[in-house]
Amino acid sequence: MKLIPFEINSGAENMRIDSQMLDDAIRYNSKEPIFRLYAWKPFCVSLGRNQKDDFLDKDFLKANNIDWVRRLTGGRALLHADEITYSCIFPVEYLNNGENVVQSYKEISQILINTFQKLDIELDFGGVKKYAGHADYCMLVSTGADLCFKNRKLIGSAQFRKEGYILQHGSILFDYDKDLLAKIFKENIDTSSIISIKEINPTLTKDDILGVLSCV
């Protein structure tokens, strides 16, 4: 697997790089999976491919130096702040079950499960959780595409498919600001349904996480 080293970019640049990596893989008929790690500066809200943006208070975002972008992948919005983001590109044929969306999620995400075991963090696949509200914030809804720690969501992932290739990316929650989330998404953030690395093990640093992720 080809690793793209960790870097910090604006939201627009991060989305451009992911899109370019996918297009290049298609153009050159790449057979080798690609794994990329990154973060966002300034903070950024990313919207799912088909998600409406009418809930966003863009004046509030601007006043607080928070960008917003739209992802190639679907799903709900995320605040990319104190986190590590991954993206990976796989040829469908590389996977045992690449044509099956659910099974391909599980196959790719198993890599993350195995990686976090090295940090004594046991993750498993999420299940569908219904939320009493409109839930624009992705982390409040857990699906089979997500990874949880003791039934609380830690990693939210989404896919986009194009010409025989899968782009999957996801948000690994290192820490979060509950008040800021509530102001952005205009809904109560039920922290009983999410968890961060800092809550699981306060002694772990981002460098610790990046160290194991860089060896996938």
C-alpha atoms as a PDB file:
ATOM      1  CA  MET A   1       0.000   0.000   0.000  1.00  0.00           C
ATOM      2  CA  LYS A   2       1.312   3.436  -0.921  1.00  0.00           C
ATOM      3  CA  LEU A   3       1.344   5.877   2.013  1.00  0.00           C
ATOM      4  CA  ILE A   4       0.876   9.620   1.531  1.00  0.00           C
ATOM      5  CA  PRO A   5       2.504  11.197   4.630  1.00  0.00           C
ATOM      6  CA  PHE A   6       0.485  13.286   7.067  1.00  0.00           C
ATOM      7  CA  GLU A   7       0.002  16.934   6.148  1.00  0.00           C
ATOM      8  CA  ILE A   8      -2.207  19.845   7.162  1.00  0.00           C
ATOM      9  CA  ASN A   9      -4.135  21.779   4.505  1.00  0.00           C
ATOM     10  CA  SER A  10      -7.219  23.899   4.007  1.00  0.00           C
ATOM     11  CA  GLY A  11     -10.485  22.078   3.447  1.00  0.00           C
ATOM     12  CA  ALA A  12     -10.567  22.976  -0.240  1.00  0.00           C
ATOM     13  CA  GLU A  13      -7.020  21.703  -0.741  1.00  0.00           C
ATOM     14  CA  ASN A  14      -7.697  18.455   1.120  1.00  0.00           C
ATOM     15  CA  MET A  15     -10.721  17.739  -1.060  1.00  0.00           C
ATOM     16  CA  ARG A  16      -8.777  18.656  -4.189  1.00  0.00           C
ATOM     17  CA  ILE A  17      -5.987  16.235  -3.288  1.00  0.00           C
ATOM     18  CA  ASP A  18      -8.410  13.366  -2.607  1.00  0.00           C
ATOM     19  CA  SER A  19     -10.184  14.004  -5.898  1.00  0.00           C
ATOM     20  CA  GLN A  20      -6.886  14.241  -7.791  1.00  0.00           C
ATOM     21  CA  MET A  21      -5.609  11.003  -6.242  1.00  0.00           C
ATOM     22  CA  LEU A  22      -8.757   9.207  -7.368  1.00  0.00           C
ATOM     23  CA  ASP A  23      -8.564  10.622 -10.895  1.00  0.00           C
ATOM     24  CA  ASP A  24      -4.881   9.733 -11.165  1.00  0.00           C
ATOM     25  CA  ALA A  25      -5.534   6.165 -10.012  1.00  0.00           C
ATOM     26  CA  ILE A  26      -8.158   5.837 -12.733  1.00  0.00           C
ATOM     27  CA  ARG A  27      -6.018   7.498 -15.387  1.00  0.00           C
ATOM     28  CA  TYR A  28      -2.981   5.299 -14.742  1.00  0.00           C
ATOM     29  CA  ASN A  29      -4.993   2.152 -13.980  1.00  0.00           C
ATOM     30  CA  SER A  30      -3.264   1.881 -10.606  1.00  0.00           C
ATOM     31  CA  LYS A  31      -3.375  -1.535  -8.941  1.00  0.00           C
ATOM     32  CA  GLU A  32      -1.814  -0.437  -5.638  1.00  0.00           C
ATOM     33  CA  PRO A  33      -4.043   0.920  -2.844  1.00  0.00           C
ATOM     34  CA  ILE A  34      -3.254   4.422  -1.574  1.00  0.00           C
ATOM     35  CA  PHE A  35      -3.563   5.554   2.048  1.00  0.00           C
ATOM     36  CA  ARG A  36      -3.384   9.227   3.014  1.00  0.00           C
ATOM     37  CA  LEU A  37      -3.401  10.976   6.418  1.00  0.00           C
ATOM     38  CA  TYR A  38      -4.215  14.629   6.927  1.00  0.00           C
ATOM     39  CA  ALA A  39      -5.670  17.399   9.082  1.00  0.00           C
ATOM     40  CA  TRP A  40      -7.416  20.710   8.436  1.00  0.00           C
ATOM     41  CA  LYS A  41      -6.384  24.324   8.981  1.00  0.00           C
ATOM     42  CA  PRO A  42      -8.439  26.317   9.591  1.00  0.00           C
ATOM     43  CA  PHE A  43     -11.193  24.152  11.071  1.00  0.00           C
ATOM     44  CA  CYS A  44     -13.649  23.121   8.389  1.00  0.00           C
ATOM     45  CA  VAL A  45     -17.176  21.751   8.058  1.00  0.00           C
ATOM     46  CA  SER A  46     -17.472  19.225   5.246  1.00  0.00           C
ATOM     47  CA  LEU A  47     -20.874  18.409   3.800  1.00  0.00           C
ATOM     48  CA  GLY A  48     -21.876  15.108   2.251  1.00  0.00           C
ATOM     49  CA  ARG A  49     -22.096  14.980  -1.523  1.00  0.00           C
ATOM     50  CA  ASN A  50     -25.887  15.423  -1.615  1.00  0.00           C
ATOM     51  CA  GLN A  51     -26.477  17.065   1.762  1.00  0.00           C
ATOM     52  CA  LYS A  52     -28.363  20.347   1.918  1.00  0.00           C
ATOM     53  CA  ASP A  53     -26.455  23.283   3.394  1.00  0.00           C
ATOM     54  CA  ASP A  54     -29.454  25.258   4.654  1.00  0.00           C
ATOM     55  CA  PHE A  55     -28.649  24.477   8.290  1.00  0.00           C
ATOM     56  CA  LEU A  56     -25.255  26.200   8.073  1.00  0.00           C
ATOM     57  CA  ASP A  57     -24.893  29.651   9.596  1.00  0.00           C
ATOM     58  CA  LYS A  58     -22.191  30.837   7.220  1.00  0.00           C
ATOM     59  CA  ASP A  59     -21.848  34.152   9.028  1.00  0.00           C
ATOM     60  CA  PHE A  60     -21.072  32.268  12.240  1.00  0.00           C
ATOM     61  CA  LEU A  61     -18.517  30.109  10.432  1.00  0.00           C
ATOM     62  CA  LYS A  62     -16.843  33.133   8.897  1.00  0.00           C
ATOM     63  CA  ALA A  63     -16.762  35.004  12.211  1.00  0.00           C
ATOM     64  CA  ASN A  64     -15.075  32.010  13.838  1.00  0.00           C
ATOM     65  CA  ASN A  65     -12.620  31.353  10.975  1.00  0.00           C
ATOM     66  CA  ILE A  66     -14.223  28.033  10.049  1.00  0.00           C
ATOM     67  CA  ASP A  67     -14.280  26.987   6.391  1.00  0.00           C
ATOM     68  CA  TRP A  68     -16.836  24.760   4.713  1.00  0.00           C
ATOM     69  CA  VAL A  69     -16.504  22.431   1.737  1.00  0.00           C
ATOM     70  CA  ARG A  70     -18.436  19.670   0.023  1.00  0.00           C
ATOM     71  CA  ARG A  71     -17.039  16.131  -0.105  1.00  0.00           C
ATOM     72  CA  LEU A  72     -17.110  13.669  -2.952  1.00  0.00           C
ATOM     73  CA  THR A  73     -18.512  11.110  -0.528  1.00  0.00           C
ATOM     74  CA  GLY A  74     -22.023  11.036   0.858  1.00  0.00           C
ATOM     75  CA  GLY A  75     -23.281  11.134   4.408  1.00  0.00           C
ATOM     76  CA  ARG A  76     -23.821  13.973   6.844  1.00  0.00           C
ATOM     77  CA  ALA A  77     -21.674  16.939   7.815  1.00  0.00           C
ATOM     78  CA  LEU A  78     -18.555  16.818   9.944  1.00  0.00           C
ATOM     79  CA  LEU A  79     -16.581  19.446  11.797  1.00  0.00           C
ATOM     80  CA  HIS A  80     -12.929  18.749  11.070  1.00  0.00           C
ATOM     81  CA  ALA A  81     -11.137  20.216  14.054  1.00  0.00           C
ATOM     82  CA  ASP A  82      -9.224  18.164  16.620  1.00  0.00           C
ATOM     83  CA  GLU A  83      -9.031  14.978  14.578  1.00  0.00           C
ATOM     84  CA  ILE A  84      -7.010  12.883  12.163  1.00  0.00           C
ATOM     85  CA  THR A  85      -8.546  12.249   8.764  1.00  0.00           C
ATOM     86  CA  TYR A  86      -7.712   9.310   6.541  1.00  0.00           C
ATOM     87  CA  SER A  87      -8.491   8.689   2.902  1.00  0.00           C
ATOM     88  CA  CYS A  88      -7.768   5.586   0.873  1.00  0.00           C
ATOM     89  CA  ILE A  89      -8.252   4.502  -2.698  1.00  0.00           C
ATOM     90  CA  PHE A  90      -8.729   0.885  -3.685  1.00  0.00           C
ATOM     91  CA  PRO A  91      -9.326  -0.702  -7.060  1.00  0.00           C
ATOM     92  CA  VAL A  92     -12.604  -2.591  -6.672  1.00  0.00           C
ATOM     93  CA  GLU A  93     -10.891  -5.751  -7.916  1.00  0.00           C
ATOM     94  CA  TYR A  94      -8.238  -5.512  -5.178  1.00  0.00           C
ATOM     95  CA  LEU A  95     -10.806  -6.322  -2.499  1.00  0.00           C
ATOM     96  CA  ASN A  96     -12.395  -9.697  -1.916  1.00  0.00           C
ATOM     97  CA  ASN A  97     -15.850  -8.096  -1.935  1.00  0.00           C
ATOM     98  CA  GLY A  98     -15.205  -4.835  -3.734  1.00  0.00           C
ATOM     99  CA  GLU A  99     -18.485  -4.808  -5.644  1.00  0.00           C
ATOM    100  CA  ASN A 100     -20.492  -5.074  -2.425  1.00  0.00           C
ATOM    101  CA  VAL A 101     -20.688  -1.695  -0.695  1.00  0.00           C
ATOM    102  CA  VAL A 102     -21.310  -2.991   2.838  1.00  0.00           C
ATOM    103  CA  GLN A 103     -18.683  -5.720   2.626  1.00  0.00           C
ATOM    104  CA  SER A 104     -16.105  -3.382   1.094  1.00  0.00           C
ATOM    105  CA  TYR A 105     -16.598  -0.974   4.002  1.00  0.00           C
ATOM    106  CA  LYS A 106     -15.955  -3.804   6.415  1.00  0.00           C
ATOM    107  CA  GLU A 107     -12.942  -5.061   4.505  1.00  0.00           C
ATOM    108  CA  ILE A 108     -11.289  -1.638   4.356  1.00  0.00           C
ATOM    109  CA  SER A 109     -12.258  -0.711   7.912  1.00  0.00           C
ATOM    110  CA  GLN A 110     -10.818  -3.973   9.225  1.00  0.00           C
ATOM    111  CA  ILE A 111      -7.431  -2.412   8.468  1.00  0.00           C
ATOM    112  CA  LEU A 112      -8.244   0.326  10.993  1.00  0.00           C
ATOM    113  CA  ILE A 113      -9.478  -2.213  13.540  1.00  0.00           C
ATOM    114  CA  ASN A 114      -6.217  -4.135  13.278  1.00  0.00           C
ATOM    115  CA  THR A 115      -4.191  -0.933  13.495  1.00  0.00           C
ATOM    116  CA  PHE A 116      -5.890   0.392  16.624  1.00  0.00           C
ATOM    117  CA  GLN A 117      -5.401  -2.948  18.359  1.00  0.00           C
ATOM    118  CA  LYS A 118      -1.717  -2.006  18.482  1.00  0.00           C
ATOM    119  CA  LEU A 119      -2.756   0.830  20.818  1.00  0.00           C
ATOM    120  CA  ASP A 120      -4.965  -1.494  22.896  1.00  0.00           C
ATOM    121  CA  ILE A 121      -8.089   0.129  21.456  1.00  0.00           C
ATOM    122  CA  GLU A 122     -10.628  -2.510  20.465  1.00  0.00           C
ATOM    123  CA  LEU A 123     -12.973  -1.219  17.782  1.00  0.00           C
ATOM    124  CA  ASP A 124     -15.952  -2.860  16.157  1.00  0.00           C
ATOM    125  CA  PHE A 125     -18.480  -2.011  13.498  1.00  0.00           C
ATOM    126  CA  GLY A 126     -21.338   0.333  14.273  1.00  0.00           C
ATOM    127  CA  GLY A 127     -24.994  -0.467  14.015  1.00  0.00           C
ATOM    128  CA  VAL A 128     -27.823   1.723  12.845  1.00  0.00           C
ATOM    129  CA  LYS A 129     -28.885   4.172  15.567  1.00  0.00           C
ATOM    130  CA  LYS A 130     -31.959   6.308  15.172  1.00  0.00           C
ATOM    131  CA  TYR A 131     -31.671   9.867  16.420  1.00  0.00           C
ATOM    132  CA  ALA A 132     -34.590  11.989  17.560  1.00  0.00           C
ATOM    133  CA  GLY A 133     -33.886  15.011  15.390  1.00  0.00           C
ATOM    134  CA  HIS A 134     -32.600  15.984  11.978  1.00  0.00           C
ATOM    135  CA  ALA A 135     -29.023  14.995  12.884  1.00  0.00           C
ATOM    136  CA  ASP A 136     -27.004  17.037  10.428  1.00  0.00           C
ATOM    137  CA  TYR A 137     -23.887  16.046  12.388  1.00  0.00           C
ATOM    138  CA  CYS A 138     -22.515  12.769  11.060  1.00  0.00           C
ATOM    139  CA  MET A 139     -21.113  11.485  14.341  1.00  0.00           C
ATOM    140  CA  LEU A 140     -24.582  11.344  15.912  1.00  0.00           C
ATOM    141  CA  VAL A 141     -25.654   8.554  13.567  1.00  0.00           C
ATOM    142  CA  SER A 142     -23.893   5.200  13.608  1.00  0.00           C
ATOM    143  CA  THR A 143     -24.087   2.820  10.646  1.00  0.00           C
ATOM    144  CA  GLY A 144     -22.332  -0.356   9.596  1.00  0.00           C
ATOM    145  CA  ALA A 145     -19.748   1.822   7.857  1.00  0.00           C
ATOM    146  CA  ASP A 146     -18.531   3.296  11.146  1.00  0.00           C
ATOM    147  CA  LEU A 147     -16.206   2.097  13.873  1.00  0.00           C
ATOM    148  CA  CYS A 148     -17.132   2.233  17.542  1.00  0.00           C
ATOM    149  CA  PHE A 149     -15.475   1.783  20.904  1.00  0.00           C
ATOM    150  CA  LYS A 150     -17.822   0.173  23.419  1.00  0.00           C
ATOM    151  CA  ASN A 151     -20.840   1.158  21.288  1.00  0.00           C
ATOM    152  CA  ARG A 152     -19.741   4.794  20.993  1.00  0.00           C
ATOM    153  CA  LYS A 153     -18.718   6.148  17.608  1.00  0.00           C
ATOM    154  CA  LEU A 154     -15.037   7.014  17.156  1.00  0.00           C
ATOM    155  CA  ILE A 155     -14.544   6.878  13.367  1.00  0.00           C
ATOM    156  CA  GLY A 156     -17.099   7.923  10.781  1.00  0.00           C
ATOM    157  CA  SER A 157     -16.421   6.846   7.185  1.00  0.00           C
ATOM    158  CA  ALA A 158     -17.955   7.331   3.748  1.00  0.00           C
ATOM    159  CA  GLN A 159     -17.330   6.121   0.205  1.00  0.00           C
ATOM    160  CA  PHE A 160     -17.427   7.347  -3.362  1.00  0.00           C
ATOM    161  CA  ARG A 161     -17.080   5.066  -6.391  1.00  0.00           C
ATOM    162  CA  LYS A 162     -15.881   5.953  -9.844  1.00  0.00           C
ATOM    163  CA  GLU A 163     -14.840   3.820 -12.815  1.00  0.00           C
ATOM    164  CA  GLY A 164     -13.862   0.746 -10.822  1.00  0.00           C
ATOM    165  CA  TYR A 165     -12.218   2.556  -7.900  1.00  0.00           C
ATOM    166  CA  ILE A 166     -13.330   3.248  -4.340  1.00  0.00           C
ATOM    167  CA  LEU A 167     -12.444   6.394  -2.425  1.00  0.00           C
ATOM    168  CA  GLN A 168     -13.115   5.891   1.269  1.00  0.00           C
ATOM    169  CA  HIS A 169     -12.295   8.507   3.834  1.00  0.00           C
ATOM    170  CA  GLY A 170     -13.098   9.035   7.444  1.00  0.00           C
ATOM    171  CA  SER A 171     -12.746  11.169  10.549  1.00  0.00           C
ATOM    172  CA  ILE A 172     -10.919   9.832  13.613  1.00  0.00           C
ATOM    173  CA  LEU A 173     -12.086  11.890  16.580  1.00  0.00           C
ATOM    174  CA  PHE A 174      -9.112  12.862  18.743  1.00  0.00           C
ATOM    175  CA  ASP A 175     -11.067  15.384  20.837  1.00  0.00           C
ATOM    176  CA  TYR A 176     -14.107  17.620  20.408  1.00  0.00           C
ATOM    177  CA  ASP A 177     -15.660  20.853  21.615  1.00  0.00           C
ATOM    178  CA  LYS A 178     -19.267  20.044  22.485  1.00  0.00           C
ATOM    179  CA  ASP A 179     -20.342  23.683  22.694  1.00  0.00           C
ATOM    180  CA  LEU A 180     -18.871  24.540  19.296  1.00  0.00           C
ATOM    181  CA  LEU A 181     -20.551  21.507  17.721  1.00  0.00           C
ATOM    182  CA  ALA A 182     -23.915  22.534  19.164  1.00  0.00           C
ATOM    183  CA  LYS A 183     -23.544  26.066  17.788  1.00  0.00           C
ATOM    184  CA  ILE A 184     -22.612  24.858  14.309  1.00  0.00           C
ATOM    185  CA  PHE A 185     -25.191  22.099  13.981  1.00  0.00           C
ATOM    186  CA  LYS A 186     -27.931  23.777  16.037  1.00  0.00           C
ATOM    187  CA  GLU A 187     -28.776  20.613  17.899  1.00  0.00           C
ATOM    188  CA  ASN A 188     -27.919  18.945  21.153  1.00  0.00           C
ATOM    189  CA  ILE A 189     -24.764  16.890  20.848  1.00  0.00           C
ATOM    190  CA  ASP A 190     -25.409  13.690  22.771  1.00  0.00           C
ATOM    191  CA  THR A 191     -21.881  12.804  23.798  1.00  0.00           C
ATOM    192  CA  SER A 192     -23.059   9.418  25.093  1.00  0.00           C
ATOM    193  CA  SER A 193     -23.145   8.295  21.447  1.00  0.00           C
ATOM    194  CA  ILE A 194     -19.618   9.450  20.503  1.00  0.00           C
ATOM    195  CA  ILE A 195     -16.159   9.064  21.993  1.00  0.00           C
ATOM    196  CA  SER A 196     -12.726  10.531  21.356  1.00  0.00           C
ATOM    197  CA  ILE A 197      -9.211   9.159  21.598  1.00  0.00           C
ATOM    198  CA  LYS A 198      -8.594  11.460  24.572  1.00  0.00           C
ATOM    199  CA  GLU A 199     -11.534   9.899  26.409  1.00  0.00           C
ATOM    200  CA  ILE A 200     -10.365   6.366  25.657  1.00  0.00           C
ATOM    201  CA  ASN A 201      -6.746   6.964  26.661  1.00  0.00           C
ATOM    202  CA  PRO A 202      -5.694  10.505  27.697  1.00  0.00           C
ATOM    203  CA  THR A 203      -2.006   9.557  27.491  1.00  0.00           C
ATOM    204  CA  LEU A 204      -2.108   8.957  23.732  1.00  0.00           C
ATOM    205  CA  THR A 205      -0.935  11.746  21.463  1.00  0.00           C
ATOM    206  CA  LYS A 206      -1.699  12.424  17.814  1.00  0.00           C
ATOM    207  CA  ASP A 207       1.842  11.353  17.013  1.00  0.00           C
ATOM    208  CA  ASP A 208       1.068   7.988  18.627  1.00  0.00           C
ATOM    209  CA  ILE A 209      -1.977   7.589  16.386  1.00  0.00           C
ATOM    210  CA  LEU A 210      -0.102   8.736  13.291  1.00  0.00           C
ATOM    211  CA  GLY A 211       2.723   6.350  14.117  1.00  0.00           C
ATOM    212  CA  VAL A 212       0.564   3.240  13.917  1.00  0.00           C
ATOM    213  CA  LEU A 213      -1.531   4.524  11.003  1.00  0.00           C
ATOM    214  CA  SER A 214       1.633   5.150   9.019  1.00  0.00           C
ATOM    215  CA  CYS A 215       2.371   1.420   9.158  1.00  0.00           C
ATOM    216  CA  VAL A 216      -0.845   0.070   7.653  1.00  0.00           C
END
